[in-house]
C-alpha atoms as a PDB file:
ATOM      1  CA  UNK A   1       0.067  -0.029   0.091  1.00  0.00           C
ATOM      2  CA  UNK A   2       2.630   2.377   0.831  1.00  0.00           C
ATOM      3  CA  UNK A   3       4.559   1.594  -2.190  1.00  0.00           C
ATOM      4  CA  UNK A   4       1.448   2.676  -4.312  1.00  0.00           C
ATOM      5  CA  UNK A   5       1.231   5.677  -2.438  1.00  0.00           C
ATOM      6  CA  UNK A   6       4.784   6.885  -2.635  1.00  0.00           C
ATOM      7  CA  UNK A   7       4.324   6.102  -6.444  1.00  0.00           C
ATOM      8  CA  UNK A   8       1.163   8.083  -6.708  1.00  0.00           C
ATOM      9  CA  UNK A   9       2.370  10.975  -4.216  1.00  0.00           C
ATOM     10  CA  UNK A  10       3.745  13.375  -7.098  1.00  0.00           C
ATOM     11  CA  UNK A  11       0.068  13.227  -8.866  1.00  0.00           C
ATOM     12  CA  UNK A  12      -1.769  13.599  -5.790  1.00  0.00           C
ATOM     13  CA  UNK A  13       0.681  16.696  -4.569  1.00  0.00           C
ATOM     14  CA  UNK A  14      -0.066  18.222  -8.262  1.00  0.00           C
ATOM     15  CA  UNK A  15      -3.829  17.518  -7.989  1.00  0.00           C
ATOM     16  CA  UNK A  16      -4.039  19.254  -4.888  1.00  0.00           C
ATOM     17  CA  UNK A  17      -1.835  22.375  -5.963  1.00  0.00           C
ATOM     18  CA  UNK A  18      -3.908  22.699  -9.251  1.00  0.00           C
ATOM     19  CA  UNK A  19      -7.092  22.525  -6.906  1.00  0.00           C
ATOM     20  CA  UNK A  20      -5.241  25.506  -4.724  1.00  0.00           C
ATOM     21  CA  UNK A  21      -4.580  27.323  -7.609  1.00  0.00           C
ATOM     22  CA  UNK A  22      -8.223  27.247  -8.977  1.00  0.00           C
ATOM     23  CA  UNK A  23      -9.638  28.150  -5.865  1.00  0.00           C
ATOM     24  CA  UNK A  24      -7.205  31.153  -5.377  1.00  0.00           C
ATOM     25  CA  UNK A  25      -8.351  32.355  -9.059  1.00  0.00           C
ATOM     26  CA  UNK A  26     -11.972  32.077  -7.952  1.00  0.00           C
ATOM     27  CA  UNK A  27     -11.808  33.558  -4.572  1.00  0.00           C
ATOM     28  CA  UNK A  28     -12.343  37.222  -5.891  1.00  0.00           C
ATOM     29  CA  UNK A  29     -15.727  36.073  -7.221  1.00  0.00           C
ATOM     30  CA  UNK A  30     -17.010  34.325  -3.666  1.00  0.00           C
ATOM     31  CA  UNK A  31     -19.932  36.586  -2.491  1.00  0.00           C
ATOM     32  CA  UNK A  32     -21.391  35.965   0.802  1.00  0.00           C
ATOM     33  CA  UNK A  33     -24.096  38.088   1.894  1.00  0.00           C
ATOM     34  CA  UNK A  34     -23.477  39.996   4.961  1.00  0.00           C
ATOM     35  CA  UNK A  35     -26.146  37.987   7.088  1.00  0.00           C
ATOM     36  CA  UNK A  36     -24.259  34.737   6.128  1.00  0.00           C
ATOM     37  CA  UNK A  37     -20.886  35.727   7.368  1.00  0.00           C
ATOM     38  CA  UNK A  38     -19.759  33.576  10.203  1.00  0.00           C
ATOM     39  CA  UNK A  39     -16.937  34.362  12.439  1.00  0.00           C
ATOM     40  CA  UNK A  40     -14.683  32.148  10.484  1.00  0.00           C
ATOM     41  CA  UNK A  41     -15.495  34.089   7.307  1.00  0.00           C
ATOM     42  CA  UNK A  42     -12.061  33.816   5.574  1.00  0.00           C
ATOM     43  CA  UNK A  43     -12.087  29.952   5.933  1.00  0.00           C
ATOM     44  CA  UNK A  44     -15.701  29.932   4.697  1.00  0.00           C
ATOM     45  CA  UNK A  45     -15.084  32.050   1.617  1.00  0.00           C
ATOM     46  CA  UNK A  46     -12.050  29.630   0.822  1.00  0.00           C
ATOM     47  CA  UNK A  47     -14.224  26.784   1.387  1.00  0.00           C
ATOM     48  CA  UNK A  48     -16.504  28.008  -0.940  1.00  0.00           C
ATOM     49  CA  UNK A  49     -13.810  28.826  -3.671  1.00  0.00           C
ATOM     50  CA  UNK A  50     -12.451  25.414  -3.169  1.00  0.00           C
ATOM     51  CA  UNK A  51     -15.913  23.631  -3.479  1.00  0.00           C
ATOM     52  CA  UNK A  52     -16.342  26.008  -6.983  1.00  0.00           C
ATOM     53  CA  UNK A  53     -13.016  24.899  -8.024  1.00  0.00           C
ATOM     54  CA  UNK A  54     -14.260  21.180  -7.805  1.00  0.00           C
ATOM     55  CA  UNK A  55     -17.324  22.199 -10.007  1.00  0.00           C
ATOM     56  CA  UNK A  56     -19.795  22.117  -7.058  1.00  0.00           C
ATOM     57  CA  UNK A  57     -21.738  25.344  -5.901  1.00  0.00           C
ATOM     58  CA  UNK A  58     -20.414  27.437  -2.938  1.00  0.00           C
ATOM     59  CA  UNK A  59     -23.702  26.121  -1.234  1.00  0.00           C
ATOM     60  CA  UNK A  60     -22.396  22.627  -1.014  1.00  0.00           C
ATOM     61  CA  UNK A  61     -19.788  23.762   1.300  1.00  0.00           C
ATOM     62  CA  UNK A  62     -21.934  26.108   3.359  1.00  0.00           C
ATOM     63  CA  UNK A  63     -24.327  23.523   3.966  1.00  0.00           C
ATOM     64  CA  UNK A  64     -21.462  20.994   5.242  1.00  0.00           C
ATOM     65  CA  UNK A  65     -20.053  23.820   7.241  1.00  0.00           C
ATOM     66  CA  UNK A  66     -23.099  24.861   8.800  1.00  0.00           C
ATOM     67  CA  UNK A  67     -24.019  21.204   9.720  1.00  0.00           C
ATOM     68  CA  UNK A  68     -20.616  20.684  11.368  1.00  0.00           C
ATOM     69  CA  UNK A  69     -20.797  23.907  13.289  1.00  0.00           C
ATOM     70  CA  UNK A  70     -24.420  23.506  14.410  1.00  0.00           C
ATOM     71  CA  UNK A  71     -23.303  20.156  15.819  1.00  0.00           C
ATOM     72  CA  UNK A  72     -20.138  21.261  17.282  1.00  0.00           C
ATOM     73  CA  UNK A  73     -22.313  24.366  19.099  1.00  0.00           C
ATOM     74  CA  UNK A  74     -24.933  21.809  20.237  1.00  0.00           C
ATOM     75  CA  UNK A  75     -22.270  19.519  21.979  1.00  0.00           C
ATOM     76  CA  UNK A  76     -21.014  22.601  23.919  1.00  0.00           C
ATOM     77  CA  UNK A  77     -24.399  23.922  24.603  1.00  0.00           C
ATOM     78  CA  UNK A  78     -25.101  20.558  26.104  1.00  0.00           C
ATOM     79  CA  UNK A  79     -22.257  20.427  28.274  1.00  0.00           C
ATOM     80  CA  UNK A  80     -23.170  23.918  30.143  1.00  0.00           C
ATOM     81  CA  UNK A  81     -25.999  23.534  32.657  1.00  0.00           C
ATOM     82  CA  UNK A  82     -26.463  27.070  32.332  1.00  0.00           C
ATOM     83  CA  UNK A  83     -26.807  27.108  28.674  1.00  0.00           C
ATOM     84  CA  UNK A  84     -29.280  24.340  29.012  1.00  0.00           C
ATOM     85  CA  UNK A  85     -31.300  26.382  31.389  1.00  0.00           C
ATOM     86  CA  UNK A  86     -31.236  29.730  29.294  1.00  0.00           C
ATOM     87  CA  UNK A  87     -32.653  27.806  26.139  1.00  0.00           C
ATOM     88  CA  UNK A  88     -35.545  26.283  28.066  1.00  0.00           C
ATOM     89  CA  UNK A  89     -36.024  29.931  29.859  1.00  0.00           C
ATOM     90  CA  UNK A  90     -36.185  31.533  26.291  1.00  0.00           C
ATOM     91  CA  UNK A  91     -38.456  28.906  25.025  1.00  0.00           C
ATOM     92  CA  UNK A  92     -41.081  29.666  27.569  1.00  0.00           C
ATOM     93  CA  UNK A  93     -40.236  33.746  27.710  1.00  0.00           C
ATOM     94  CA  UNK A  94     -39.263  34.598  24.076  1.00  0.00           C
ATOM     95  CA  UNK A  95     -39.099  38.168  24.872  1.00  0.00           C
ATOM     96  CA  UNK A  96     -36.056  37.304  27.542  1.00  0.00           C
ATOM     97  CA  UNK A  97     -35.620  38.988  30.627  1.00  0.00           C
ATOM     98  CA  UNK A  98     -33.793  42.418  31.716  1.00  0.00           C
ATOM     99  CA  UNK A  99     -32.710  42.141  35.484  1.00  0.00           C
ATOM    100  CA  UNK A 100     -29.945  42.195  38.007  1.00  0.00           C
ATOM    101  CA  UNK A 101     -28.248  38.918  38.051  1.00  0.00           C
ATOM    102  CA  UNK A 102     -29.276  37.711  41.116  1.00  0.00           C
ATOM    103  CA  UNK A 103     -32.779  37.852  39.795  1.00  0.00           C
ATOM    104  CA  UNK A 104     -31.756  36.089  36.541  1.00  0.00           C
ATOM    105  CA  UNK A 105     -30.436  33.290  38.550  1.00  0.00           C
ATOM    106  CA  UNK A 106     -33.540  32.925  40.733  1.00  0.00           C
ATOM    107  CA  UNK A 107     -35.474  32.406  37.407  1.00  0.00           C
ATOM    108  CA  UNK A 108     -33.007  30.007  36.007  1.00  0.00           C
ATOM    109  CA  UNK A 109     -33.016  27.825  38.973  1.00  0.00           C
ATOM    110  CA  UNK A 110     -36.700  26.559  37.777  1.00  0.00           C
ATOM    111  CA  UNK A 111     -34.941  25.400  34.515  1.00  0.00           C
ATOM    112  CA  UNK A 112     -31.860  23.844  35.990  1.00  0.00           C
ATOM    113  CA  UNK A 113     -31.095  20.531  35.123  1.00  0.00           C
ATOM    114  CA  UNK A 114     -31.918  17.628  37.193  1.00  0.00           C
ATOM    115  CA  UNK A 115     -28.744  16.033  38.948  1.00  0.00           C
ATOM    116  CA  UNK A 116     -26.607  18.830  37.733  1.00  0.00           C
ATOM    117  CA  UNK A 117     -24.003  19.689  40.236  1.00  0.00           C
ATOM    118  CA  UNK A 118     -22.301  22.390  38.250  1.00  0.00           C
ATOM    119  CA  UNK A 119     -24.640  25.167  38.747  1.00  0.00           C
ATOM    120  CA  UNK A 120     -23.379  28.713  39.685  1.00  0.00           C
ATOM    121  CA  UNK A 121     -23.899  29.565  43.461  1.00  0.00           C
ATOM    122  CA  UNK A 122     -23.694  33.475  43.299  1.00  0.00           C
ATOM    123  CA  UNK A 123     -24.619  36.138  40.605  1.00  0.00           C
ATOM    124  CA  UNK A 124     -21.048  36.527  39.457  1.00  0.00           C
ATOM    125  CA  UNK A 125     -20.668  32.799  39.039  1.00  0.00           C
ATOM    126  CA  UNK A 126     -23.897  33.112  36.827  1.00  0.00           C
ATOM    127  CA  UNK A 127     -22.343  35.953  34.942  1.00  0.00           C
ATOM    128  CA  UNK A 128     -19.174  33.892  34.280  1.00  0.00           C
ATOM    129  CA  UNK A 129     -21.339  31.274  32.708  1.00  0.00           C
ATOM    130  CA  UNK A 130     -23.254  33.252  30.567  1.00  0.00           C
ATOM    131  CA  UNK A 131     -20.092  34.872  29.138  1.00  0.00           C
ATOM    132  CA  UNK A 132     -18.738  31.385  28.287  1.00  0.00           C
ATOM    133  CA  UNK A 133     -21.810  30.499  27.056  1.00  0.00           C
ATOM    134  CA  UNK A 134     -23.046  33.425  25.010  1.00  0.00           C
ATOM    135  CA  UNK A 135     -21.082  33.102  21.754  1.00  0.00           C
ATOM    136  CA  UNK A 136     -22.507  29.161  21.320  1.00  0.00           C
ATOM    137  CA  UNK A 137     -25.989  30.626  22.116  1.00  0.00           C
ATOM    138  CA  UNK A 138     -25.701  33.262  19.711  1.00  0.00           C
ATOM    139  CA  UNK A 139     -24.359  30.985  16.946  1.00  0.00           C
ATOM    140  CA  UNK A 140     -27.046  28.418  17.557  1.00  0.00           C
ATOM    141  CA  UNK A 141     -29.721  31.357  17.185  1.00  0.00           C
ATOM    142  CA  UNK A 142     -31.911  29.775  19.784  1.00  0.00           C
ATOM    143  CA  UNK A 143     -31.477  32.498  22.064  1.00  0.00           C
ATOM    144  CA  UNK A 144     -29.683  35.700  21.777  1.00  0.00           C
ATOM    145  CA  UNK A 145     -28.143  36.583  25.084  1.00  0.00           C
ATOM    146  CA  UNK A 146     -26.304  39.437  26.504  1.00  0.00           C
ATOM    147  CA  UNK A 147     -24.059  38.295  28.936  1.00  0.00           C
ATOM    148  CA  UNK A 148     -22.292  41.613  29.631  1.00  0.00           C
ATOM    149  CA  UNK A 149     -22.554  43.015  33.158  1.00  0.00           C
ATOM    150  CA  UNK A 150     -24.077  46.733  32.925  1.00  0.00           C
ATOM    151  CA  UNK A 151     -22.158  48.597  35.794  1.00  0.00           C
ATOM    152  CA  UNK A 152     -22.172  47.939  39.582  1.00  0.00           C
ATOM    153  CA  UNK A 153     -25.953  46.834  39.811  1.00  0.00           C
ATOM    154  CA  UNK A 154     -24.821  43.539  37.700  1.00  0.00           C
ATOM    155  CA  UNK A 155     -27.449  43.839  35.282  1.00  0.00           C
ATOM    156  CA  UNK A 156     -27.858  41.857  32.200  1.00  0.00           C
ATOM    157  CA  UNK A 157     -30.244  40.911  29.878  1.00  0.00           C
ATOM    158  CA  UNK A 158     -31.558  37.766  28.142  1.00  0.00           C
ATOM    159  CA  UNK A 159     -33.796  37.418  25.313  1.00  0.00           C
ATOM    160  CA  UNK A 160     -34.477  37.148  21.394  1.00  0.00           C
ATOM    161  CA  UNK A 161     -33.869  40.945  20.423  1.00  0.00           C
ATOM    162  CA  UNK A 162     -30.070  40.648  20.954  1.00  0.00           C
ATOM    163  CA  UNK A 163     -28.270  42.238  17.921  1.00  0.00           C
ATOM    164  CA  UNK A 164     -25.844  40.057  16.034  1.00  0.00           C
ATOM    165  CA  UNK A 165     -22.491  40.783  16.838  1.00  0.00           C
END
């Protein structure tokens, strides 16, 4: 097997370089609408160009990328009891809540996953957990979450009205 691989290596590398050259040639033609631009926009644009260089539509890459991203984000959210609680809360209260963190912590207690030990014990702990979960929640688009602390009162907001970053 390795001997066959070694014999074909020049053709394999040549094919990869041809594909890369064609993708770079097509790169300026890739146009992603503003609303479709993820955080890894350069990677996505290059991926779309590679798909086009292979004779496929850019949407083929976008579909695969989005599916992979949503799977990864889903796993991230499932690993956070606070993120699970926020998702359930926003499902029940789609307009969200603007309140001090201590009030949000009390409200989220109703949605705390059964048997979880990794639950914040203080408003500061909740703020930290929300900051960690916020990118995944935004990406998932199930919830828009603003986990920033506004001044001394530790007021934050959860809800569907969050603007995209």
